[in-house]
Amino acid sequence: MLKEKKTFWINAGLILLVVLISILPLFIVKDAEFGGADGEAEVAITEINAEYEPWFEPFIEPASGEIESLLFALQAAGGAAVVAYGFGYLKGRSQKEKKVS
């Protein structure tokens, strides 16, 4: 019982830490633009070689930045789901093997 209580508080503290790390920059850094790496790479390439031409263009250009963010978030959620399923599968298989032996 004591170990479960200790684990709960450790998990609660870690979740709070993740939330703080995620939200604090929005309040600490006023009027900041939180752009992506693609935009920064474009600026850096243009500074190095102003005549650079991209090799290809995107097949589909999202209608707005919000849709682009939504697609990125869905991609991240899908990847997280696959990783979580993998960990869950391995944990379940491990527990099953412990019961059999």
N, C-alpha and C. Protein backbone atom coordinates (compact mmCIF):
# COMPACT_ATOMS: atom_id res chain seq x y z
N MET A 1 0.83 -1.19 0.00
CA MET A 1 0.00 0.00 0.00
C MET A 1 0.87 1.26 0.00
N LEU A 2 1.93 1.24 0.78
CA LEU A 2 2.82 2.39 0.87
C LEU A 2 3.52 2.64 -0.45
N LYS A 3 3.93 1.55 -1.13
CA LYS A 3 4.61 1.70 -2.41
C LYS A 3 3.67 2.30 -3.45
N GLU A 4 2.40 1.89 -3.44
CA GLU A 4 1.42 2.43 -4.39
C GLU A 4 1.21 3.93 -4.17
N LYS A 5 1.18 4.35 -2.92
CA LYS A 5 1.00 5.76 -2.60
C LYS A 5 2.21 6.57 -3.07
N LYS A 6 3.40 6.03 -2.85
CA LYS A 6 4.62 6.70 -3.26
C LYS A 6 4.67 6.81 -4.79
N THR A 7 4.30 5.75 -5.48
CA THR A 7 4.29 5.75 -6.94
C THR A 7 3.29 6.76 -7.47
N PHE A 8 2.13 6.86 -6.84
CA PHE A 8 1.12 7.83 -7.26
C PHE A 8 1.69 9.24 -7.20
N TRP A 9 2.34 9.60 -6.10
CA TRP A 9 2.86 10.96 -5.95
C TRP A 9 4.02 11.24 -6.90
N ILE A 10 4.83 10.23 -7.17
CA ILE A 10 5.91 10.41 -8.15
C ILE A 10 5.31 10.65 -9.53
N ASN A 11 4.31 9.85 -9.91
CA ASN A 11 3.66 10.03 -11.22
C ASN A 11 2.96 11.38 -11.31
N ALA A 12 2.27 11.79 -10.24
CA ALA A 12 1.59 13.07 -10.23
C ALA A 12 2.60 14.22 -10.38
N GLY A 13 3.72 14.11 -9.70
CA GLY A 13 4.76 15.13 -9.80
C GLY A 13 5.35 15.20 -11.20
N LEU A 14 5.57 14.05 -11.83
CA LEU A 14 6.11 14.04 -13.19
C LEU A 14 5.12 14.63 -14.19
N ILE A 15 3.83 14.31 -14.03
CA ILE A 15 2.81 14.87 -14.91
C ILE A 15 2.76 16.39 -14.75
N LEU A 16 2.80 16.86 -13.51
CA LEU A 16 2.80 18.30 -13.25
C LEU A 16 4.03 18.96 -13.88
N LEU A 17 5.18 18.31 -13.78
CA LEU A 17 6.40 18.84 -14.37
C LEU A 17 6.27 18.96 -15.90
N VAL A 18 5.71 17.95 -16.54
CA VAL A 18 5.51 17.99 -17.99
C VAL A 18 4.57 19.13 -18.37
N VAL A 19 3.49 19.29 -17.61
CA VAL A 19 2.53 20.36 -17.89
C VAL A 19 3.21 21.72 -17.73
N LEU A 20 3.99 21.89 -16.68
CA LEU A 20 4.68 23.17 -16.46
C LEU A 20 5.69 23.46 -17.56
N ILE A 21 6.45 22.43 -17.96
CA ILE A 21 7.43 22.63 -19.03
C ILE A 21 6.73 23.00 -20.33
N SER A 22 5.55 22.48 -20.55
CA SER A 22 4.81 22.76 -21.78
C SER A 22 4.17 24.14 -21.78
N ILE A 23 3.68 24.60 -20.64
CA ILE A 23 2.89 25.83 -20.58
C ILE A 23 3.73 27.06 -20.21
N LEU A 24 4.71 26.90 -19.34
CA LEU A 24 5.48 28.07 -18.88
C LEU A 24 6.10 28.90 -20.01
N PRO A 25 6.67 28.31 -21.05
CA PRO A 25 7.25 29.15 -22.11
C PRO A 25 6.24 30.09 -22.75
N LEU A 26 4.97 29.70 -22.77
CA LEU A 26 3.95 30.57 -23.37
C LEU A 26 3.76 31.84 -22.56
N PHE A 27 4.00 31.78 -21.24
CA PHE A 27 3.82 32.95 -20.39
C PHE A 27 5.13 33.70 -20.16
N ILE A 28 6.24 32.99 -20.16
CA ILE A 28 7.53 33.62 -19.88
C ILE A 28 8.02 34.43 -21.07
N VAL A 29 7.92 33.86 -22.27
CA VAL A 29 8.42 34.52 -23.48
C VAL A 29 7.26 35.25 -24.14
N LYS A 30 7.15 36.54 -23.89
CA LYS A 30 6.05 37.35 -24.42
C LYS A 30 6.28 37.67 -25.90
N ASP A 31 5.23 37.68 -26.68
CA ASP A 31 5.24 38.04 -28.10
C ASP A 31 6.25 37.24 -28.91
N ALA A 32 6.44 35.99 -28.56
CA ALA A 32 7.38 35.14 -29.29
C ALA A 32 6.63 34.37 -30.37
N GLU A 33 7.33 34.11 -31.45
CA GLU A 33 6.78 33.27 -32.50
C GLU A 33 7.36 31.88 -32.33
N PHE A 34 6.51 30.91 -32.13
CA PHE A 34 6.96 29.54 -31.97
C PHE A 34 6.83 28.85 -33.32
N GLY A 35 7.79 29.11 -34.20
CA GLY A 35 7.76 28.55 -35.54
C GLY A 35 8.42 27.18 -35.57
N GLY A 36 8.25 26.53 -36.69
CA GLY A 36 8.82 25.19 -36.85
C GLY A 36 10.21 25.22 -37.44
N ALA A 37 10.81 24.06 -37.54
CA ALA A 37 12.15 23.93 -38.07
C ALA A 37 12.19 24.17 -39.57
N ASP A 38 11.08 23.90 -40.27
CA ASP A 38 11.05 24.10 -41.71
C ASP A 38 11.28 25.57 -42.06
N GLY A 39 10.60 26.45 -41.36
CA GLY A 39 10.76 27.88 -41.62
C GLY A 39 12.16 28.36 -41.32
N GLU A 40 12.72 27.89 -40.22
CA GLU A 40 14.09 28.27 -39.85
C GLU A 40 15.10 27.75 -40.87
N ALA A 41 14.88 26.54 -41.37
CA ALA A 41 15.79 25.96 -42.37
C ALA A 41 15.73 26.78 -43.66
N GLU A 42 14.55 27.21 -44.04
CA GLU A 42 14.40 28.01 -45.25
C GLU A 42 15.17 29.32 -45.13
N VAL A 43 15.07 29.96 -43.97
CA VAL A 43 15.80 31.21 -43.75
C VAL A 43 17.31 30.97 -43.80
N ALA A 44 17.78 29.90 -43.17
CA ALA A 44 19.21 29.61 -43.15
C ALA A 44 19.73 29.31 -44.55
N ILE A 45 18.98 28.53 -45.33
CA ILE A 45 19.41 28.20 -46.69
C ILE A 45 19.46 29.45 -47.55
N THR A 46 18.47 30.32 -47.41
CA THR A 46 18.42 31.55 -48.19
C THR A 46 19.61 32.46 -47.84
N GLU A 47 20.01 32.47 -46.57
CA GLU A 47 21.17 33.28 -46.18
C GLU A 47 22.45 32.72 -46.79
N ILE A 48 22.57 31.40 -46.88
CA ILE A 48 23.78 30.78 -47.43
C ILE A 48 23.82 30.94 -48.95
N ASN A 49 22.68 30.65 -49.61
CA ASN A 49 22.63 30.71 -51.06
C ASN A 49 21.28 31.27 -51.48
N ALA A 50 21.27 32.54 -51.85
CA ALA A 50 20.00 33.20 -52.19
C ALA A 50 19.39 32.66 -53.48
N GLU A 51 20.17 32.00 -54.32
CA GLU A 51 19.67 31.48 -55.59
C GLU A 51 19.23 30.03 -55.51
N TYR A 52 19.17 29.48 -54.33
CA TYR A 52 18.79 28.07 -54.17
C TYR A 52 17.36 27.82 -54.64
N GLU A 53 17.16 26.75 -55.41
CA GLU A 53 15.84 26.33 -55.87
C GLU A 53 15.52 24.98 -55.23
N PRO A 54 14.37 24.83 -54.59
CA PRO A 54 13.99 23.53 -54.01
C PRO A 54 13.89 22.46 -55.09
N TRP A 55 14.15 21.22 -54.70
CA TRP A 55 14.11 20.11 -55.64
C TRP A 55 12.68 19.74 -56.03
N PHE A 56 11.74 19.93 -55.10
CA PHE A 56 10.36 19.59 -55.40
C PHE A 56 9.43 20.44 -54.55
N GLU A 57 8.18 20.44 -54.91
CA GLU A 57 7.15 21.17 -54.18
C GLU A 57 6.22 20.17 -53.50
N PRO A 58 5.55 20.55 -52.41
CA PRO A 58 4.61 19.63 -51.76
C PRO A 58 3.46 19.26 -52.69
N PHE A 59 2.97 18.01 -52.57
CA PHE A 59 1.84 17.57 -53.38
C PHE A 59 0.58 18.35 -53.01
N ILE A 60 0.37 18.49 -51.71
CA ILE A 60 -0.82 19.16 -51.21
C ILE A 60 -0.38 20.24 -50.23
N GLU A 61 -0.86 21.44 -50.44
CA GLU A 61 -0.57 22.54 -49.52
C GLU A 61 -1.79 22.74 -48.63
N PRO A 62 -1.66 22.56 -47.30
CA PRO A 62 -2.82 22.77 -46.42
C PRO A 62 -3.38 24.19 -46.58
N ALA A 63 -4.70 24.29 -46.43
CA ALA A 63 -5.37 25.58 -46.63
C ALA A 63 -4.94 26.63 -45.62
N SER A 64 -4.59 26.20 -44.40
CA SER A 64 -4.20 27.18 -43.39
C SER A 64 -3.20 26.55 -42.43
N GLY A 65 -2.62 27.39 -41.60
CA GLY A 65 -1.67 26.91 -40.60
C GLY A 65 -2.32 26.01 -39.57
N GLU A 66 -3.61 26.26 -39.29
CA GLU A 66 -4.33 25.44 -38.31
C GLU A 66 -4.49 24.01 -38.82
N ILE A 67 -4.78 23.86 -40.11
CA ILE A 67 -4.94 22.52 -40.68
C ILE A 67 -3.59 21.81 -40.69
N GLU A 68 -2.55 22.54 -41.00
CA GLU A 68 -1.21 21.96 -40.97
C GLU A 68 -0.86 21.48 -39.56
N SER A 69 -1.19 22.28 -38.56
CA SER A 69 -0.95 21.89 -37.17
C SER A 69 -1.78 20.67 -36.79
N LEU A 70 -3.04 20.63 -37.25
CA LEU A 70 -3.89 19.48 -36.98
C LEU A 70 -3.29 18.21 -37.57
N LEU A 71 -2.84 18.28 -38.82
CA LEU A 71 -2.25 17.10 -39.46
C LEU A 71 -0.99 16.64 -38.71
N PHE A 72 -0.20 17.61 -38.28
CA PHE A 72 1.01 17.26 -37.52
C PHE A 72 0.64 16.60 -36.20
N ALA A 73 -0.37 17.15 -35.51
CA ALA A 73 -0.79 16.57 -34.23
C ALA A 73 -1.36 15.17 -34.42
N LEU A 74 -2.12 14.96 -35.49
CA LEU A 74 -2.65 13.62 -35.76
C LEU A 74 -1.52 12.63 -36.05
N GLN A 75 -0.52 13.09 -36.77
CA GLN A 75 0.63 12.24 -37.06
C GLN A 75 1.36 11.87 -35.75
N ALA A 76 1.55 12.85 -34.88
CA ALA A 76 2.22 12.60 -33.61
C ALA A 76 1.39 11.65 -32.74
N ALA A 77 0.07 11.84 -32.72
CA ALA A 77 -0.81 10.97 -31.92
C ALA A 77 -0.77 9.54 -32.45
N GLY A 78 -0.78 9.40 -33.76
CA GLY A 78 -0.70 8.06 -34.35
C GLY A 78 0.61 7.37 -34.00
N GLY A 79 1.70 8.09 -34.07
CA GLY A 79 3.00 7.52 -33.70
C GLY A 79 3.05 7.13 -32.23
N ALA A 80 2.49 7.99 -31.38
CA ALA A 80 2.45 7.68 -29.94
C ALA A 80 1.59 6.45 -29.68
N ALA A 81 0.49 6.31 -30.42
CA ALA A 81 -0.37 5.14 -30.24
C ALA A 81 0.36 3.86 -30.62
N VAL A 82 1.11 3.90 -31.70
CA VAL A 82 1.86 2.71 -32.13
C VAL A 82 2.91 2.34 -31.08
N VAL A 83 3.64 3.33 -30.58
CA VAL A 83 4.66 3.07 -29.56
C VAL A 83 4.02 2.54 -28.29
N ALA A 84 2.91 3.15 -27.85
CA ALA A 84 2.23 2.70 -26.63
C ALA A 84 1.71 1.28 -26.80
N TYR A 85 1.16 0.97 -27.96
CA TYR A 85 0.69 -0.40 -28.21
C TYR A 85 1.85 -1.39 -28.12
N GLY A 86 2.98 -1.00 -28.71
CA GLY A 86 4.15 -1.88 -28.66
C GLY A 86 4.61 -2.15 -27.24
N PHE A 87 4.69 -1.09 -26.43
CA PHE A 87 5.08 -1.27 -25.03
C PHE A 87 4.06 -2.13 -24.28
N GLY A 88 2.79 -1.88 -24.51
CA GLY A 88 1.74 -2.66 -23.85
C GLY A 88 1.80 -4.12 -24.25
N TYR A 89 2.04 -4.37 -25.53
CA TYR A 89 2.14 -5.75 -26.00
C TYR A 89 3.32 -6.46 -25.34
N LEU A 90 4.46 -5.79 -25.30
CA LEU A 90 5.64 -6.41 -24.68
C LEU A 90 5.43 -6.65 -23.19
N LYS A 91 4.79 -5.70 -22.51
CA LYS A 91 4.50 -5.87 -21.07
C LYS A 91 3.56 -7.05 -20.85
N GLY A 92 2.50 -7.14 -21.67
CA GLY A 92 1.56 -8.25 -21.53
C GLY A 92 2.21 -9.59 -21.82
N ARG A 93 3.05 -9.64 -22.84
CA ARG A 93 3.75 -10.89 -23.15
C ARG A 93 4.69 -11.28 -22.02
N SER A 94 5.36 -10.30 -21.44
CA SER A 94 6.26 -10.56 -20.31
C SER A 94 5.50 -11.12 -19.11
N GLN A 95 4.33 -10.52 -18.81
CA GLN A 95 3.52 -10.99 -17.68
C GLN A 95 2.97 -12.40 -17.94
N LYS A 96 2.61 -12.67 -19.18
CA LYS A 96 2.11 -13.99 -19.54
C LYS A 96 3.21 -15.04 -19.37
N GLU A 97 4.42 -14.73 -19.77
CA GLU A 97 5.54 -15.64 -19.62
C GLU A 97 5.86 -15.90 -18.15
N LYS A 98 5.69 -14.87 -17.30
CA LYS A 98 5.93 -15.04 -15.86
C LYS A 98 4.90 -15.98 -15.25
N LYS A 99 3.64 -15.88 -15.69
CA LYS A 99 2.59 -16.75 -15.17
C LYS A 99 2.80 -18.19 -15.59
N VAL A 100 3.26 -18.40 -16.82
CA VAL A 100 3.45 -19.77 -17.34
C VAL A 100 4.61 -20.45 -16.64
N SER A 101 5.68 -19.73 -16.36
CA SER A 101 6.85 -20.35 -15.74
C SER A 101 6.79 -20.40 -14.24
